[in-house]
C-alpha cells in the first residue's frame, strides 16, 4: 500500500495514515472486502511504530470503514455509494 507519510507535517503520523487510507477507500481504490496489510507489515513498510498503525486501524474500525476478522486481518467494509458520499463530505 502506497502511503505518503512525513515527519515534517504538523499532522500526527497516525492521522496521516487514517486520512490516506480513508481517502483510498472512499475513492474506490481499495475495494470492498479487500484485505489491508497487517499492522506489523504496514509499520515496517512505512517505518513507523506498530502502535501507530494499530491506533490508525482502530480509528478506521470506529468509523466503519474497515473491519477486523480475528486471525485473518483487516478488511475494507462494503459501503453503499450513498454512504461513501456522505462520509467523504465529513
Protein backbone atom coordinates (compact mmCIF):
# COMPACT_ATOMS: atom_id res chain seq x y z
CA UNK A 1 0.00 0.00 0.00
CA UNK A 2 1.41 3.33 -1.04
CA UNK A 3 1.11 6.00 1.63
CA UNK A 4 2.95 9.30 1.77
CA UNK A 5 3.85 9.86 5.40
CA UNK A 6 6.07 12.68 6.56
CA UNK A 7 7.57 13.74 9.87
CA UNK A 8 7.64 17.33 8.59
CA UNK A 9 3.87 17.72 8.82
CA UNK A 10 2.10 19.10 11.90
CA UNK A 11 -0.38 16.25 11.43
CA UNK A 12 0.49 13.18 13.55
CA UNK A 13 1.55 10.03 11.64
CA UNK A 14 -1.49 8.16 12.92
CA UNK A 15 -3.80 10.82 11.48
CA UNK A 16 -1.92 10.77 8.18
CA UNK A 17 -2.45 7.00 7.93
CA UNK A 18 -6.17 7.30 8.78
CA UNK A 19 -6.71 10.16 6.32
CA UNK A 20 -4.91 8.45 3.45
CA UNK A 21 -6.49 5.01 3.88
CA UNK A 22 -9.89 6.69 4.31
CA UNK A 23 -9.36 8.55 1.03
CA UNK A 24 -8.34 5.34 -0.77
CA UNK A 25 -11.48 3.57 0.45
CA UNK A 26 -13.87 6.42 -0.36
CA UNK A 27 -12.32 6.88 -3.81
CA UNK A 28 -12.84 3.18 -4.52
CA UNK A 29 -9.13 2.46 -4.88
CA UNK A 30 -9.44 -0.03 -2.02
CA UNK A 31 -12.37 -2.24 -2.98
CA UNK A 32 -14.92 -3.73 -0.57
CA UNK A 33 -13.71 -6.86 1.22
CA UNK A 34 -10.11 -6.31 0.07
CA UNK A 35 -7.54 -7.00 2.75
CA UNK A 36 -5.30 -4.36 4.25
CA UNK A 37 -1.66 -5.03 5.09
CA UNK A 38 -1.11 -6.48 8.54
CA UNK A 39 -0.32 -3.97 11.26
CA UNK A 40 3.26 -5.18 11.51
CA UNK A 41 3.92 -5.22 7.79
CA UNK A 42 2.49 -1.72 7.26
CA UNK A 43 4.50 -0.42 10.22
CA UNK A 44 7.68 -1.94 8.79
CA UNK A 45 6.95 -0.71 5.25
CA UNK A 46 6.22 2.85 6.43
CA UNK A 47 8.94 2.84 9.11
CA UNK A 48 6.53 3.74 11.91
CA UNK A 49 5.60 2.19 15.23
CA UNK A 50 3.29 -0.82 15.33
CA UNK A 51 1.24 1.11 17.91
CA UNK A 52 0.79 3.98 15.44
CA UNK A 53 -0.64 1.66 12.78
CA UNK A 54 -2.73 -0.22 15.34
CA UNK A 55 -4.34 3.01 16.55
CA UNK A 56 -4.93 4.17 12.98
CA UNK A 57 -6.66 0.88 12.12
CA UNK A 58 -8.74 1.13 15.32
CA UNK A 59 -9.87 4.63 14.28
CA UNK A 60 -10.87 3.31 10.85
CA UNK A 61 -12.81 0.46 12.51
CA UNK A 62 -14.63 3.04 14.67
CA UNK A 63 -15.56 4.98 11.52
CA UNK A 64 -16.93 1.78 10.00
CA UNK A 65 -14.54 1.89 7.02
CA UNK A 66 -12.69 -1.32 7.87
CA UNK A 67 -13.41 -4.38 9.97
CA UNK A 68 -11.27 -6.87 11.78
CA UNK A 69 -11.61 -10.61 11.39
CA UNK A 70 -9.86 -12.41 14.22
CA UNK A 71 -6.92 -14.38 12.90
CA UNK A 72 -7.48 -13.12 9.35
CA UNK A 73 -6.63 -9.40 9.47
CA UNK A 74 -8.33 -6.18 8.44
CA UNK A 75 -10.68 -5.79 5.51
CA UNK A 76 -12.45 -2.92 3.78
CA UNK A 77 -16.10 -2.72 4.80
CA UNK A 78 -18.56 -2.82 1.87
CA UNK A 79 -20.39 0.52 1.89
CA UNK A 80 -23.21 1.76 -0.32
CA UNK A 81 -22.16 4.60 -2.65
CA UNK A 82 -24.57 6.98 -0.92
CA UNK A 83 -22.91 6.33 2.44
CA UNK A 84 -19.46 6.82 0.90
CA UNK A 85 -20.51 10.23 -0.44
CA UNK A 86 -21.82 11.26 2.98
CA UNK A 87 -18.59 10.13 4.68
CA UNK A 88 -16.48 11.91 2.07
CA UNK A 89 -18.17 15.22 2.89
CA UNK A 90 -17.24 14.94 6.58
